[in-house]
Amino acid sequence: MTKKSTDASSILGAARRAAEVQRPKAEEEPRLLEKRINVALRPQTHKRLKLLSVQREMTVQDLAEELLQEVLERHGV
């Protein structure tokens, strides 16, 4: 049994045939109105942030947003 060699025209032909296949369109995800950043915190700071978020019945993300807004307003930014 011999192995068939693959040439560029057969690869392009397969790609063209695959492009012609009708596929269902995926629904576009709504764009987020927020930007994501990663922040590294010391473990004790993270624990305090998490405890405060539980006390206020908020997510850590919502609490961080609120705290950062307060700091930025205080500094006039």
N, C-alpha and C. Protein backbone atom coordinates (compact mmCIF):
# COMPACT_ATOMS: atom_id res chain seq x y z
N MET A 1 0.84 -1.17 0.00
CA MET A 1 0.00 0.00 0.00
C MET A 1 0.89 1.24 0.00
N THR A 2 0.65 2.13 -0.92
CA THR A 2 1.46 3.34 -1.00
C THR A 2 0.66 4.52 -0.49
N LYS A 3 1.38 5.43 0.11
CA LYS A 3 0.75 6.62 0.66
C LYS A 3 0.63 7.67 -0.43
N LYS A 4 -0.56 8.24 -0.59
CA LYS A 4 -0.79 9.27 -1.60
C LYS A 4 -0.12 10.57 -1.15
N SER A 5 0.61 11.17 -2.06
CA SER A 5 1.22 12.45 -1.71
C SER A 5 0.18 13.56 -1.85
N THR A 6 0.27 14.52 -0.97
CA THR A 6 -0.68 15.64 -0.98
C THR A 6 -0.01 16.83 -1.64
N ASP A 7 -0.67 17.34 -2.66
CA ASP A 7 -0.11 18.51 -3.32
C ASP A 7 -0.96 19.74 -2.99
N ALA A 8 -0.45 20.90 -3.34
CA ALA A 8 -1.10 22.16 -2.98
C ALA A 8 -2.48 22.29 -3.60
N SER A 9 -2.66 21.81 -4.82
CA SER A 9 -3.97 21.97 -5.48
C SER A 9 -5.05 21.14 -4.79
N SER A 10 -4.70 19.96 -4.29
CA SER A 10 -5.72 19.17 -3.59
C SER A 10 -6.08 19.81 -2.25
N ILE A 11 -5.10 20.42 -1.58
CA ILE A 11 -5.38 21.12 -0.32
C ILE A 11 -6.29 22.32 -0.58
N LEU A 12 -5.98 23.09 -1.63
CA LEU A 12 -6.80 24.26 -1.96
C LEU A 12 -8.20 23.83 -2.37
N GLY A 13 -8.31 22.74 -3.10
CA GLY A 13 -9.63 22.24 -3.51
C GLY A 13 -10.47 21.86 -2.30
N ALA A 14 -9.85 21.18 -1.35
CA ALA A 14 -10.58 20.79 -0.15
C ALA A 14 -11.01 22.03 0.64
N ALA A 15 -10.14 23.03 0.71
CA ALA A 15 -10.47 24.26 1.43
C ALA A 15 -11.62 24.99 0.75
N ARG A 16 -11.62 25.02 -0.58
CA ARG A 16 -12.72 25.69 -1.30
C ARG A 16 -14.04 24.96 -1.09
N ARG A 17 -14.00 23.63 -1.14
CA ARG A 17 -15.22 22.86 -0.92
C ARG A 17 -15.74 23.06 0.50
N ALA A 18 -14.84 23.12 1.46
CA ALA A 18 -15.26 23.33 2.85
C ALA A 18 -15.86 24.71 3.04
N ALA A 19 -15.36 25.70 2.32
CA ALA A 19 -15.87 27.06 2.44
C ALA A 19 -17.29 27.17 1.89
N GLU A 20 -17.65 26.29 0.96
CA GLU A 20 -18.97 26.35 0.34
C GLU A 20 -20.06 25.68 1.18
N VAL A 21 -19.68 24.93 2.19
CA VAL A 21 -20.65 24.24 3.02
C VAL A 21 -21.42 25.25 3.86
N GLN A 22 -22.75 25.15 3.84
CA GLN A 22 -23.58 26.06 4.63
C GLN A 22 -23.51 25.65 6.09
N ARG A 23 -23.19 26.59 6.94
CA ARG A 23 -23.11 26.34 8.37
C ARG A 23 -24.05 27.29 9.09
N PRO A 24 -24.65 26.83 10.19
CA PRO A 24 -25.52 27.76 10.93
C PRO A 24 -24.70 28.90 11.52
N LYS A 25 -25.27 30.07 11.48
CA LYS A 25 -24.59 31.25 12.02
C LYS A 25 -24.76 31.27 13.53
N ALA A 26 -23.67 31.50 14.22
CA ALA A 26 -23.72 31.63 15.67
C ALA A 26 -24.22 33.03 16.01
N GLU A 27 -25.01 33.11 17.06
CA GLU A 27 -25.48 34.43 17.48
C GLU A 27 -24.29 35.22 18.01
N GLU A 28 -24.25 36.48 17.64
CA GLU A 28 -23.17 37.32 18.13
C GLU A 28 -23.39 37.62 19.60
N GLU A 29 -22.32 37.51 20.37
CA GLU A 29 -22.41 37.84 21.78
C GLU A 29 -22.43 39.35 21.93
N PRO A 30 -23.24 39.84 22.84
CA PRO A 30 -23.26 41.30 23.04
C PRO A 30 -21.91 41.78 23.56
N ARG A 31 -21.53 42.95 23.11
CA ARG A 31 -20.25 43.51 23.56
C ARG A 31 -20.36 43.94 25.01
N LEU A 32 -19.32 43.63 25.75
CA LEU A 32 -19.30 44.02 27.15
C LEU A 32 -19.01 45.51 27.25
N LEU A 33 -19.63 46.14 28.20
CA LEU A 33 -19.42 47.56 28.40
C LEU A 33 -18.39 47.80 29.49
N GLU A 34 -17.56 46.81 29.73
CA GLU A 34 -16.54 46.93 30.76
C GLU A 34 -15.22 46.40 30.24
N LYS A 35 -14.17 46.85 30.83
CA LYS A 35 -12.83 46.38 30.50
C LYS A 35 -12.36 45.48 31.63
N ARG A 36 -11.62 44.47 31.32
CA ARG A 36 -11.12 43.56 32.34
C ARG A 36 -9.65 43.82 32.60
N ILE A 37 -9.29 43.79 33.88
CA ILE A 37 -7.88 43.90 34.26
C ILE A 37 -7.61 42.83 35.31
N ASN A 38 -6.38 42.45 35.43
CA ASN A 38 -5.96 41.53 36.48
C ASN A 38 -5.15 42.31 37.50
N VAL A 39 -5.48 42.11 38.76
CA VAL A 39 -4.79 42.80 39.83
C VAL A 39 -4.28 41.75 40.81
N ALA A 40 -3.01 41.82 41.16
CA ALA A 40 -2.44 40.91 42.14
C ALA A 40 -2.50 41.57 43.51
N LEU A 41 -3.11 40.88 44.45
CA LEU A 41 -3.23 41.40 45.82
C LEU A 41 -2.51 40.48 46.77
N ARG A 42 -2.05 41.04 47.87
CA ARG A 42 -1.49 40.21 48.93
C ARG A 42 -2.63 39.36 49.49
N PRO A 43 -2.33 38.16 49.95
CA PRO A 43 -3.40 37.27 50.45
C PRO A 43 -4.25 37.91 51.54
N GLN A 44 -3.63 38.65 52.47
CA GLN A 44 -4.42 39.25 53.54
C GLN A 44 -5.34 40.35 53.02
N THR A 45 -4.91 41.08 51.99
CA THR A 45 -5.77 42.11 51.39
C THR A 45 -6.94 41.46 50.67
N HIS A 46 -6.67 40.40 49.95
CA HIS A 46 -7.73 39.68 49.24
C HIS A 46 -8.77 39.14 50.22
N LYS A 47 -8.30 38.59 51.34
CA LYS A 47 -9.20 38.04 52.34
C LYS A 47 -10.11 39.14 52.91
N ARG A 48 -9.53 40.30 53.22
CA ARG A 48 -10.31 41.41 53.75
C ARG A 48 -11.34 41.90 52.72
N LEU A 49 -10.93 41.96 51.46
CA LEU A 49 -11.84 42.38 50.39
C LEU A 49 -13.00 41.39 50.26
N LYS A 50 -12.68 40.13 50.32
CA LYS A 50 -13.70 39.10 50.20
C LYS A 50 -14.66 39.13 51.39
N LEU A 51 -14.14 39.29 52.60
CA LEU A 51 -14.99 39.37 53.79
C LEU A 51 -15.92 40.57 53.72
N LEU A 52 -15.40 41.72 53.30
CA LEU A 52 -16.23 42.91 53.18
C LEU A 52 -17.32 42.72 52.13
N SER A 53 -16.98 42.06 51.04
CA SER A 53 -17.99 41.82 50.00
C SER A 53 -19.11 40.92 50.53
N VAL A 54 -18.77 39.93 51.35
CA VAL A 54 -19.79 39.06 51.93
C VAL A 54 -20.66 39.86 52.90
N GLN A 55 -20.04 40.70 53.73
CA GLN A 55 -20.80 41.52 54.68
C GLN A 55 -21.78 42.44 53.97
N ARG A 56 -21.36 42.99 52.84
CA ARG A 56 -22.22 43.92 52.10
C ARG A 56 -23.13 43.20 51.09
N GLU A 57 -23.03 41.86 51.04
CA GLU A 57 -23.80 41.05 50.10
C GLU A 57 -23.58 41.52 48.66
N MET A 58 -22.31 41.67 48.32
CA MET A 58 -21.89 42.10 46.98
C MET A 58 -20.89 41.09 46.45
N THR A 59 -20.67 41.13 45.16
CA THR A 59 -19.58 40.35 44.60
C THR A 59 -18.28 41.12 44.83
N VAL A 60 -17.18 40.41 44.81
CA VAL A 60 -15.88 41.07 44.96
C VAL A 60 -15.70 42.06 43.81
N GLN A 61 -16.14 41.69 42.62
CA GLN A 61 -16.00 42.57 41.46
C GLN A 61 -16.78 43.87 41.67
N ASP A 62 -18.02 43.77 42.16
CA ASP A 62 -18.82 44.97 42.38
C ASP A 62 -18.21 45.84 43.49
N LEU A 63 -17.73 45.20 44.54
CA LEU A 63 -17.10 45.94 45.63
C LEU A 63 -15.83 46.64 45.14
N ALA A 64 -15.02 45.94 44.36
CA ALA A 64 -13.80 46.54 43.83
C ALA A 64 -14.13 47.74 42.95
N GLU A 65 -15.16 47.62 42.13
CA GLU A 65 -15.60 48.74 41.28
C GLU A 65 -16.00 49.93 42.15
N GLU A 66 -16.79 49.68 43.19
CA GLU A 66 -17.23 50.76 44.07
C GLU A 66 -16.04 51.43 44.77
N LEU A 67 -15.13 50.62 45.29
CA LEU A 67 -13.97 51.18 46.00
C LEU A 67 -13.07 51.97 45.06
N LEU A 68 -12.85 51.45 43.88
CA LEU A 68 -12.00 52.17 42.92
C LEU A 68 -12.65 53.48 42.48
N GLN A 69 -13.97 53.48 42.30
CA GLN A 69 -14.66 54.72 41.95
C GLN A 69 -14.47 55.77 43.04
N GLU A 70 -14.60 55.36 44.30
CA GLU A 70 -14.43 56.30 45.42
C GLU A 70 -13.01 56.89 45.43
N VAL A 71 -12.02 56.05 45.23
CA VAL A 71 -10.62 56.52 45.23
C VAL A 71 -10.39 57.48 44.07
N LEU A 72 -10.89 57.15 42.89
CA LEU A 72 -10.69 58.01 41.73
C LEU A 72 -11.39 59.36 41.91
N GLU A 73 -12.59 59.35 42.48
CA GLU A 73 -13.30 60.61 42.72
C GLU A 73 -12.56 61.46 43.76
N ARG A 74 -12.04 60.80 44.79
CA ARG A 74 -11.31 61.52 45.83
C ARG A 74 -10.07 62.20 45.25
N HIS A 75 -9.46 61.59 44.25
CA HIS A 75 -8.25 62.15 43.63
C HIS A 75 -8.56 63.01 42.41
N GLY A 76 -9.84 63.21 42.15
CA GLY A 76 -10.23 64.09 41.06
C GLY A 76 -9.95 63.53 39.67
N VAL A 77 -10.00 62.24 39.54
CA VAL A 77 -9.73 61.63 38.24
C VAL A 77 -11.04 61.19 37.62
